[in-house]
Amino acid sequence: MKIAIQGEAGSFSHEAAQRMVPGCQVVSCARSVEVFDRLKKGSVAAAVIPIENTLAGTVAEHADLLLDRKVFIEREFFLRIRHNVISAPGVKLGDLRRVLSHPVALEQCRNFFRSHPNVEPVPFYDTAGSVKHVVEENVRDAAGIAGPEAARVYGGKILKAGIEDNKRNFTRFFVIRKTQRVLRGANKTSLVFSVKNVPGALFKALSVFALRDIDLSKIESRPMRGRPWEYVFYVDILRGQDEAARNALRHLGEVAELVKVLGIYPAA
């Protein structure tokens, strides 16, 4: 099965895809929109995308694309993020003058750079891509920060493992498909809605869940594209396709301007 990801082989998305869909063939894409385009064209069966990180928050582009495109969430997975300093073979930690990685990864490894003041953090387009670069170019004074899968894929050497500042660093990933398929045991629903800008509108929208004792595990607002100062609300509820959830969504449709169910799936 072909699974599209954004990023290079050896990235955290690559690792998540292998964990979520064992034996899959991973198709790397340079941009997130290419992932969704491949899914639409049918050149891949599904895609694996990061949607939020416990430290960095929501991946805004992916949240917007989930709303804009006709795709459905089938599964979720929490991947523990472990950052490692990875170099070309033969390079030592003391040789380093630069360490490359995605800006989010660099931000999550501040303590490493504080304890190595002679090493400069250098933003790069991708975590695994930074390792690919230093190994293939045989750079002798630089390394990349990425997951252990990148070292395996590119033949790099892990100089220092687990350098992330916060060990409770997780990224939530989705498997998405072009057509909806609800798996057995689905007990979580992700949806988006918007309401008119009138007093009590959000209260009324959220009351459809409270009245039925439905728990919300997440609520977040995002700007609406092309409509300044108007917002949509992303919500996760801890219910699947039971009668209470169906009635709540029906009720929400009566008080909201827009309601889109992004997926119904088993909670990770």
C-alpha atoms as a PDB file:
ATOM      1  CA  MET A   1       0.000   0.000   0.000  1.00  0.00           C
ATOM      2  CA  LYS A   2       1.347   3.430  -0.961  1.00  0.00           C
ATOM      3  CA  ILE A   3       1.243   6.043   1.814  1.00  0.00           C
ATOM      4  CA  ALA A   4       2.096   9.692   1.151  1.00  0.00           C
ATOM      5  CA  ILE A   5       3.989  11.774   3.712  1.00  0.00           C
ATOM      6  CA  GLN A   6       5.433  15.281   3.752  1.00  0.00           C
ATOM      7  CA  GLY A   7       9.179  15.087   4.277  1.00  0.00           C
ATOM      8  CA  GLU A   8      12.150  12.916   3.504  1.00  0.00           C
ATOM      9  CA  ALA A   9      12.612   9.224   4.137  1.00  0.00           C
ATOM     10  CA  GLY A  10      13.712   8.790   7.737  1.00  0.00           C
ATOM     11  CA  SER A  11      11.549  11.650   9.019  1.00  0.00           C
ATOM     12  CA  PHE A  12       9.181  11.353  11.972  1.00  0.00           C
ATOM     13  CA  SER A  13       6.300  11.164   9.468  1.00  0.00           C
ATOM     14  CA  HIS A  14       8.083   8.226   7.814  1.00  0.00           C
ATOM     15  CA  GLU A  15       8.412   6.492  11.176  1.00  0.00           C
ATOM     16  CA  ALA A  16       4.746   7.162  11.992  1.00  0.00           C
ATOM     17  CA  ALA A  17       3.633   5.770   8.622  1.00  0.00           C
ATOM     18  CA  GLN A  18       5.590   2.565   9.192  1.00  0.00           C
ATOM     19  CA  ARG A  19       4.131   2.201  12.674  1.00  0.00           C
ATOM     20  CA  MET A  20       0.550   2.931  11.609  1.00  0.00           C
ATOM     21  CA  VAL A  21       0.555   0.957   8.345  1.00  0.00           C
ATOM     22  CA  PRO A  22       3.160  -1.825   8.670  1.00  0.00           C
ATOM     23  CA  GLY A  23       4.655  -2.913   5.362  1.00  0.00           C
ATOM     24  CA  CYS A  24       3.506   0.211   3.508  1.00  0.00           C
ATOM     25  CA  GLN A  25       5.438   1.850   0.681  1.00  0.00           C
ATOM     26  CA  VAL A  26       6.145   5.425   1.772  1.00  0.00           C
ATOM     27  CA  VAL A  27       5.926   8.136  -0.893  1.00  0.00           C
ATOM     28  CA  SER A  28       7.823  11.262   0.164  1.00  0.00           C
ATOM     29  CA  CYS A  29       6.420  14.656  -0.872  1.00  0.00           C
ATOM     30  CA  ALA A  30       8.182  18.004  -0.707  1.00  0.00           C
ATOM     31  CA  ARG A  31       5.084  19.979   0.311  1.00  0.00           C
ATOM     32  CA  SER A  32       1.978  19.239   2.341  1.00  0.00           C
ATOM     33  CA  VAL A  33      -0.340  20.248  -0.490  1.00  0.00           C
ATOM     34  CA  GLU A  34       1.323  17.590  -2.681  1.00  0.00           C
ATOM     35  CA  VAL A  35       0.325  14.950  -0.110  1.00  0.00           C
ATOM     36  CA  PHE A  36      -3.328  15.969  -0.400  1.00  0.00           C
ATOM     37  CA  ASP A  37      -3.083  16.255  -4.209  1.00  0.00           C
ATOM     38  CA  ARG A  38      -1.732  12.706  -4.492  1.00  0.00           C
ATOM     39  CA  LEU A  39      -4.562  11.477  -2.310  1.00  0.00           C
ATOM     40  CA  LYS A  40      -7.132  13.249  -4.484  1.00  0.00           C
ATOM     41  CA  LYS A  41      -5.658  11.824  -7.712  1.00  0.00           C
ATOM     42  CA  GLY A  42      -5.569   8.318  -6.255  1.00  0.00           C
ATOM     43  CA  SER A  43      -1.825   7.794  -6.776  1.00  0.00           C
ATOM     44  CA  VAL A  44      -1.619   6.782  -3.098  1.00  0.00           C
ATOM     45  CA  ALA A  45      -4.091   4.800  -1.002  1.00  0.00           C
ATOM     46  CA  ALA A  46      -3.763   7.016   2.061  1.00  0.00           C
ATOM     47  CA  ALA A  47      -1.580   9.636   3.723  1.00  0.00           C
ATOM     48  CA  VAL A  48      -0.032  10.066   7.155  1.00  0.00           C
ATOM     49  CA  ILE A  49       0.150  13.636   8.427  1.00  0.00           C
ATOM     50  CA  PRO A  50       1.197  15.249  11.728  1.00  0.00           C
ATOM     51  CA  ILE A  51      -1.623  17.358  13.130  1.00  0.00           C
ATOM     52  CA  GLU A  52      -0.266  18.586  16.463  1.00  0.00           C
ATOM     53  CA  ASN A  53       2.689  18.413  18.800  1.00  0.00           C
ATOM     54  CA  THR A  54       2.437  18.577  22.584  1.00  0.00           C
ATOM     55  CA  LEU A  55       4.963  21.424  22.678  1.00  0.00           C
ATOM     56  CA  ALA A  56       4.673  23.232  19.338  1.00  0.00           C
ATOM     57  CA  GLY A  57       0.893  22.962  18.983  1.00  0.00           C
ATOM     58  CA  THR A  58      -1.220  22.470  15.873  1.00  0.00           C
ATOM     59  CA  VAL A  59       0.237  22.094  12.386  1.00  0.00           C
ATOM     60  CA  ALA A  60      -1.799  24.955  10.938  1.00  0.00           C
ATOM     61  CA  GLU A  61      -1.408  24.066   7.265  1.00  0.00           C
ATOM     62  CA  HIS A  62      -2.683  20.542   7.845  1.00  0.00           C
ATOM     63  CA  ALA A  63      -5.650  21.766   9.880  1.00  0.00           C
ATOM     64  CA  ASP A  64      -6.593  24.102   7.017  1.00  0.00           C
ATOM     65  CA  LEU A  65      -6.200  21.362   4.406  1.00  0.00           C
ATOM     66  CA  LEU A  66      -8.398  18.965   6.394  1.00  0.00           C
ATOM     67  CA  LEU A  67     -11.149  21.570   6.215  1.00  0.00           C
ATOM     68  CA  ASP A  68     -10.613  22.508   2.561  1.00  0.00           C
ATOM     69  CA  ARG A  69     -10.185  19.033   1.048  1.00  0.00           C
ATOM     70  CA  LYS A  70     -12.518  16.041   0.857  1.00  0.00           C
ATOM     71  CA  VAL A  71     -10.565  13.652   3.064  1.00  0.00           C
ATOM     72  CA  PHE A  72     -11.420  11.646   6.158  1.00  0.00           C
ATOM     73  CA  ILE A  73      -9.451  10.688   9.250  1.00  0.00           C
ATOM     74  CA  GLU A  74      -9.295   6.926   9.752  1.00  0.00           C
ATOM     75  CA  ARG A  75      -6.833   6.512  12.634  1.00  0.00           C
ATOM     76  CA  GLU A  76      -4.682   8.509  15.050  1.00  0.00           C
ATOM     77  CA  PHE A  77      -1.324   7.695  16.609  1.00  0.00           C
ATOM     78  CA  PHE A  78       0.913   9.359  19.201  1.00  0.00           C
ATOM     79  CA  LEU A  79       4.614   9.208  18.334  1.00  0.00           C
ATOM     80  CA  ARG A  80       7.194   9.945  21.023  1.00  0.00           C
ATOM     81  CA  ILE A  81       9.634  12.466  19.549  1.00  0.00           C
ATOM     82  CA  ARG A  82      13.277  11.661  20.301  1.00  0.00           C
ATOM     83  CA  HIS A  83      15.806  14.080  18.848  1.00  0.00           C
ATOM     84  CA  ASN A  84      19.343  12.880  18.115  1.00  0.00           C
ATOM     85  CA  VAL A  85      22.528  14.519  16.872  1.00  0.00           C
ATOM     86  CA  ILE A  86      23.463  12.540  13.750  1.00  0.00           C
ATOM     87  CA  SER A  87      26.586  13.012  11.635  1.00  0.00           C
ATOM     88  CA  ALA A  88      28.495  11.373   8.826  1.00  0.00           C
ATOM     89  CA  PRO A  89      30.554   8.340   9.933  1.00  0.00           C
ATOM     90  CA  GLY A  90      33.856   9.253  11.562  1.00  0.00           C
ATOM     91  CA  VAL A  91      32.780  12.674  12.801  1.00  0.00           C
ATOM     92  CA  LYS A  92      33.075  13.303  16.550  1.00  0.00           C
ATOM     93  CA  LEU A  93      30.943  15.519  18.760  1.00  0.00           C
ATOM     94  CA  GLY A  94      33.912  17.824  19.359  1.00  0.00           C
ATOM     95  CA  ASP A  95      34.287  18.387  15.602  1.00  0.00           C
ATOM     96  CA  LEU A  96      30.914  20.080  15.283  1.00  0.00           C
ATOM     97  CA  ARG A  97      30.558  23.773  14.559  1.00  0.00           C
ATOM     98  CA  ARG A  98      27.033  23.653  13.125  1.00  0.00           C
ATOM     99  CA  VAL A  99      23.952  21.522  13.703  1.00  0.00           C
ATOM    100  CA  LEU A 100      21.181  21.629  11.116  1.00  0.00           C
ATOM    101  CA  SER A 101      17.499  20.782  11.498  1.00  0.00           C
ATOM    102  CA  HIS A 102      13.937  21.965  11.109  1.00  0.00           C
ATOM    103  CA  PRO A 103      13.343  25.133  13.182  1.00  0.00           C
ATOM    104  CA  VAL A 104      10.833  23.349  15.449  1.00  0.00           C
ATOM    105  CA  ALA A 105      13.374  20.639  16.256  1.00  0.00           C
ATOM    106  CA  LEU A 106      16.083  23.221  16.988  1.00  0.00           C
ATOM    107  CA  GLU A 107      13.683  25.045  19.319  1.00  0.00           C
ATOM    108  CA  GLN A 108      13.002  21.814  21.206  1.00  0.00           C
ATOM    109  CA  CYS A 109      16.713  21.210  21.853  1.00  0.00           C
ATOM    110  CA  ARG A 110      17.773  24.507  23.466  1.00  0.00           C
ATOM    111  CA  ASN A 111      19.629  22.836  26.340  1.00  0.00           C
ATOM    112  CA  PHE A 112      21.962  21.055  23.923  1.00  0.00           C
ATOM    113  CA  PHE A 113      23.035  24.360  22.386  1.00  0.00           C
ATOM    114  CA  ARG A 114      23.411  25.990  25.816  1.00  0.00           C
ATOM    115  CA  SER A 115      25.801  23.219  26.848  1.00  0.00           C
ATOM    116  CA  HIS A 116      27.643  23.403  23.486  1.00  0.00           C
ATOM    117  CA  PRO A 117      28.067  27.180  22.926  1.00  0.00           C
ATOM    118  CA  ASN A 118      30.514  26.674  20.064  1.00  0.00           C
ATOM    119  CA  VAL A 119      27.894  24.836  18.021  1.00  0.00           C
ATOM    120  CA  GLU A 120      25.608  27.038  15.890  1.00  0.00           C
ATOM    121  CA  PRO A 121      21.979  25.967  15.292  1.00  0.00           C
ATOM    122  CA  VAL A 122      21.186  26.273  11.571  1.00  0.00           C
ATOM    123  CA  PRO A 123      17.588  26.048  10.281  1.00  0.00           C
ATOM    124  CA  PHE A 124      17.051  23.448   7.551  1.00  0.00           C
ATOM    125  CA  TYR A 125      13.953  22.399   5.597  1.00  0.00           C
ATOM    126  CA  ASP A 126      13.531  18.977   7.229  1.00  0.00           C
ATOM    127  CA  THR A 127      14.845  16.946  10.166  1.00  0.00           C
ATOM    128  CA  ALA A 128      15.712  13.851   8.128  1.00  0.00           C
ATOM    129  CA  GLY A 129      16.786  16.088   5.252  1.00  0.00           C
ATOM    130  CA  SER A 130      19.473  17.601   7.466  1.00  0.00           C
ATOM    131  CA  VAL A 131      20.939  14.148   8.133  1.00  0.00           C
ATOM    132  CA  LYS A 132      20.708  13.237   4.454  1.00  0.00           C
ATOM    133  CA  HIS A 133      22.669  16.395   3.611  1.00  0.00           C
ATOM    134  CA  VAL A 134      25.535  15.986   6.088  1.00  0.00           C
ATOM    135  CA  VAL A 135      25.970  12.266   5.325  1.00  0.00           C
ATOM    136  CA  GLU A 136      25.734  12.438   1.514  1.00  0.00           C
ATOM    137  CA  GLU A 137      27.988  15.504   1.382  1.00  0.00           C
ATOM    138  CA  ASN A 138      30.310  13.983   4.018  1.00  0.00           C
ATOM    139  CA  VAL A 139      30.336  17.224   5.984  1.00  0.00           C
ATOM    140  CA  ARG A 140      33.005  17.001   8.691  1.00  0.00           C
ATOM    141  CA  ASP A 141      32.053  19.922  10.949  1.00  0.00           C
ATOM    142  CA  ALA A 142      28.259  19.613  11.004  1.00  0.00           C
ATOM    143  CA  ALA A 143      25.482  17.253  11.984  1.00  0.00           C
ATOM    144  CA  GLY A 144      21.707  17.083  11.780  1.00  0.00           C
ATOM    145  CA  ILE A 145      19.020  16.662  14.428  1.00  0.00           C
ATOM    146  CA  ALA A 146      16.473  13.978  13.618  1.00  0.00           C
ATOM    147  CA  GLY A 147      14.933  10.748  14.795  1.00  0.00           C
ATOM    148  CA  PRO A 148      16.873   7.464  14.920  1.00  0.00           C
ATOM    149  CA  GLU A 149      15.203   6.307  11.687  1.00  0.00           C
ATOM    150  CA  ALA A 150      17.167   8.954   9.776  1.00  0.00           C
ATOM    151  CA  ALA A 151      20.469   7.481  10.986  1.00  0.00           C
ATOM    152  CA  ARG A 152      19.367   4.047   9.785  1.00  0.00           C
ATOM    153  CA  VAL A 153      18.116   5.254   6.392  1.00  0.00           C
ATOM    154  CA  TYR A 154      21.192   7.353   5.517  1.00  0.00           C
ATOM    155  CA  GLY A 155      23.906   5.451   7.356  1.00  0.00           C
ATOM    156  CA  GLY A 156      24.593   8.257   9.803  1.00  0.00           C
ATOM    157  CA  LYS A 157      26.216   8.043  13.229  1.00  0.00           C
ATOM    158  CA  ILE A 158      24.285   9.048  16.347  1.00  0.00           C
ATOM    159  CA  LEU A 159      26.677  11.249  18.319  1.00  0.00           C
ATOM    160  CA  LYS A 160      24.229  12.074  21.100  1.00  0.00           C
ATOM    161  CA  ALA A 161      20.787  10.560  21.620  1.00  0.00           C
ATOM    162  CA  GLY A 162      17.702  11.963  23.290  1.00  0.00           C
ATOM    163  CA  ILE A 163      18.707  15.640  23.318  1.00  0.00           C
ATOM    164  CA  GLU A 164      15.116  16.973  23.394  1.00  0.00           C
ATOM    165  CA  ASP A 165      14.520  19.315  26.345  1.00  0.00           C
ATOM    166  CA  ASN A 166      11.159  17.819  27.287  1.00  0.00           C
ATOM    167  CA  LYS A 167      10.769  14.053  27.414  1.00  0.00           C
ATOM    168  CA  ARG A 168       6.969  14.414  27.208  1.00  0.00           C
ATOM    169  CA  ASN A 169       7.305  15.385  23.573  1.00  0.00           C
ATOM    170  CA  PHE A 170       4.712  13.657  21.388  1.00  0.00           C
ATOM    171  CA  THR A 171       3.305  14.308  17.928  1.00  0.00           C
ATOM    172  CA  ARG A 172      -0.203  13.232  16.996  1.00  0.00           C
ATOM    173  CA  PHE A 173      -0.512  11.750  13.510  1.00  0.00           C
ATOM    174  CA  PHE A 174      -3.552  10.952  11.374  1.00  0.00           C
ATOM    175  CA  VAL A 175      -4.064   8.362   8.666  1.00  0.00           C
ATOM    176  CA  ILE A 176      -6.342  10.047   6.137  1.00  0.00           C
ATOM    177  CA  ARG A 177      -8.144   8.664   3.089  1.00  0.00           C
ATOM    178  CA  LYS A 178     -10.194  10.043   0.213  1.00  0.00           C
ATOM    179  CA  THR A 179     -13.279   8.078   1.238  1.00  0.00           C
ATOM    180  CA  GLN A 180     -14.729   7.638   4.705  1.00  0.00           C
ATOM    181  CA  ARG A 181     -14.186   4.328   6.457  1.00  0.00           C
ATOM    182  CA  VAL A 182     -15.084   3.964  10.122  1.00  0.00           C
ATOM    183  CA  LEU A 183     -13.071   1.259  11.856  1.00  0.00           C
ATOM    184  CA  ARG A 184     -14.469  -1.050  14.490  1.00  0.00           C
ATOM    185  CA  GLY A 185     -14.099   0.420  17.953  1.00  0.00           C
ATOM    186  CA  ALA A 186     -14.281   4.025  16.731  1.00  0.00           C
ATOM    187  CA  ASN A 187     -14.901   6.151  19.823  1.00  0.00           C
ATOM    188  CA  LYS A 188     -13.615   9.592  18.863  1.00  0.00           C
ATOM    189  CA  THR A 189     -14.865  12.195  16.388  1.00  0.00           C
ATOM    190  CA  SER A 190     -13.060  15.213  14.944  1.00  0.00           C
ATOM    191  CA  LEU A 191     -15.149  17.995  13.442  1.00  0.00           C
ATOM    192  CA  VAL A 192     -15.084  21.647  12.415  1.00  0.00           C
ATOM    193  CA  PHE A 193     -17.881  24.161  12.824  1.00  0.00           C
ATOM    194  CA  SER A 194     -18.487  27.879  12.558  1.00  0.00           C
ATOM    195  CA  VAL A 195     -21.179  30.110  14.064  1.00  0.00           C
ATOM    196  CA  LYS A 196     -22.561  33.583  13.438  1.00  0.00           C
ATOM    197  CA  ASN A 197     -20.911  36.415  15.344  1.00  0.00           C
ATOM    198  CA  VAL A 198     -23.858  37.018  17.669  1.00  0.00           C
ATOM    199  CA  PRO A 199     -24.108  36.839  21.486  1.00  0.00           C
ATOM    200  CA  GLY A 200     -24.408  33.291  22.789  1.00  0.00           C
ATOM    201  CA  ALA A 201     -23.711  31.560  19.467  1.00  0.00           C
ATOM    202  CA  LEU A 202     -20.684  29.589  20.679  1.00  0.00           C
ATOM    203  CA  PHE A 203     -22.446  28.752  23.956  1.00  0.00           C
ATOM    204  CA  LYS A 204     -25.388  27.289  22.035  1.00  0.00           C
ATOM    205  CA  ALA A 205     -23.069  25.286  19.781  1.00  0.00           C
ATOM    206  CA  LEU A 206     -21.153  23.745  22.665  1.00  0.00           C
ATOM    207  CA  SER A 207     -24.331  23.075  24.649  1.00  0.00           C
ATOM    208  CA  VAL A 208     -25.335  20.376  22.153  1.00  0.00           C
ATOM    209  CA  PHE A 209     -22.511  18.269  23.618  1.00  0.00           C
ATOM    210  CA  ALA A 210     -22.954  19.279  27.261  1.00  0.00           C
ATOM    211  CA  LEU A 211     -26.661  18.427  27.217  1.00  0.00           C
ATOM    212  CA  ARG A 212     -25.775  14.864  26.205  1.00  0.00           C
ATOM    213  CA  ASP A 213     -22.796  14.433  28.575  1.00  0.00           C
ATOM    214  CA  ILE A 214     -20.392  14.246  25.634  1.00  0.00           C
ATOM    215  CA  ASP A 215     -16.814  15.032  26.595  1.00  0.00           C
ATOM    216  CA  LEU A 216     -14.686  17.371  24.473  1.00  0.00           C
ATOM    217  CA  SER A 217     -10.988  16.488  24.494  1.00  0.00           C
ATOM    218  CA  LYS A 218      -9.996  19.479  22.356  1.00  0.00           C
ATOM    219  CA  ILE A 219     -11.345  22.787  21.072  1.00  0.00           C
ATOM    220  CA  GLU A 220      -9.327  25.270  19.041  1.00  0.00           C
ATOM    221  CA  SER A 221     -10.197  28.255  16.865  1.00  0.00           C
ATOM    222  CA  ARG A 222      -8.577  28.962  13.498  1.00  0.00           C
ATOM    223  CA  PRO A 223      -8.992  31.961  11.164  1.00  0.00           C
ATOM    224  CA  MET A 224     -11.251  31.464   8.149  1.00  0.00           C
ATOM    225  CA  ARG A 225      -9.372  31.973   4.899  1.00  0.00           C
ATOM    226  CA  GLY A 226     -10.571  35.006   2.992  1.00  0.00           C
ATOM    227  CA  ARG A 227     -12.860  36.166   5.821  1.00  0.00           C
ATOM    228  CA  PRO A 228     -10.838  38.398   8.164  1.00  0.00           C
ATOM    229  CA  TRP A 229     -11.694  38.198  11.874  1.00  0.00           C
ATOM    230  CA  GLU A 230     -13.996  35.214  11.379  1.00  0.00           C
ATOM    231  CA  TYR A 231     -13.116  31.834  12.840  1.00  0.00           C
ATOM    232  CA  VAL A 232     -13.854  28.126  12.664  1.00  0.00           C
ATOM    233  CA  PHE A 233     -13.671  25.822  15.665  1.00  0.00           C
ATOM    234  CA  TYR A 234     -11.912  22.461  15.591  1.00  0.00           C
ATOM    235  CA  VAL A 235     -13.362  20.055  18.139  1.00  0.00           C
ATOM    236  CA  ASP A 236     -12.622  16.481  19.198  1.00  0.00           C
ATOM    237  CA  ILE A 237     -15.371  14.631  21.061  1.00  0.00           C
ATOM    238  CA  LEU A 238     -14.918  11.328  22.860  1.00  0.00           C
ATOM    239  CA  ARG A 239     -17.780   9.536  21.134  1.00  0.00           C
ATOM    240  CA  GLY A 240     -18.133   7.519  17.954  1.00  0.00           C
ATOM    241  CA  GLN A 241     -21.294   6.826  15.986  1.00  0.00           C
ATOM    242  CA  ASP A 242     -23.696   6.236  18.875  1.00  0.00           C
ATOM    243  CA  GLU A 243     -27.139   7.819  19.073  1.00  0.00           C
ATOM    244  CA  ALA A 244     -26.041  10.629  21.391  1.00  0.00           C
ATOM    245  CA  ALA A 245     -23.250  11.679  19.023  1.00  0.00           C
ATOM    246  CA  ARG A 246     -25.535  11.557  15.983  1.00  0.00           C
ATOM    247  CA  ASN A 247     -28.174  13.645  17.761  1.00  0.00           C
ATOM    248  CA  ALA A 248     -25.540  16.155  18.914  1.00  0.00           C
ATOM    249  CA  LEU A 249     -24.250  16.623  15.378  1.00  0.00           C
ATOM    250  CA  ARG A 250     -27.791  16.987  14.063  1.00  0.00           C
ATOM    251  CA  HIS A 251     -28.498  19.607  16.739  1.00  0.00           C
ATOM    252  CA  LEU A 252     -25.208  21.382  15.967  1.00  0.00           C
ATOM    253  CA  GLY A 253     -26.246  21.627  12.337  1.00  0.00           C
ATOM    254  CA  GLU A 254     -29.314  23.587  13.428  1.00  0.00           C
ATOM    255  CA  VAL A 255     -27.367  26.260  15.330  1.00  0.00           C
ATOM    256  CA  ALA A 256     -24.095  26.457  13.341  1.00  0.00           C
ATOM    257  CA  GLU A 257     -23.388  27.946   9.924  1.00  0.00           C
ATOM    258  CA  LEU A 258     -20.946  25.198   8.956  1.00  0.00           C
ATOM    259  CA  VAL A 259     -20.410  21.667  10.268  1.00  0.00           C
ATOM    260  CA  LYS A 260     -17.892  19.245   8.764  1.00  0.00           C
ATOM    261  CA  VAL A 261     -17.055  15.867  10.303  1.00  0.00           C
ATOM    262  CA  LEU A 262     -13.357  15.248   9.659  1.00  0.00           C
ATOM    263  CA  GLY A 263     -13.375  11.661  10.853  1.00  0.00           C
ATOM    264  CA  ILE A 264     -14.676   9.044  13.289  1.00  0.00           C
ATOM    265  CA  TYR A 265     -11.934   6.733  14.521  1.00  0.00           C
ATOM    266  CA  PRO A 266     -10.531   4.746  17.471  1.00  0.00           C
ATOM    267  CA  ALA A 267      -8.793   6.962  20.043  1.00  0.00           C
ATOM    268  CA  ALA A 268      -5.063   6.341  20.373  1.00  0.00           C
END
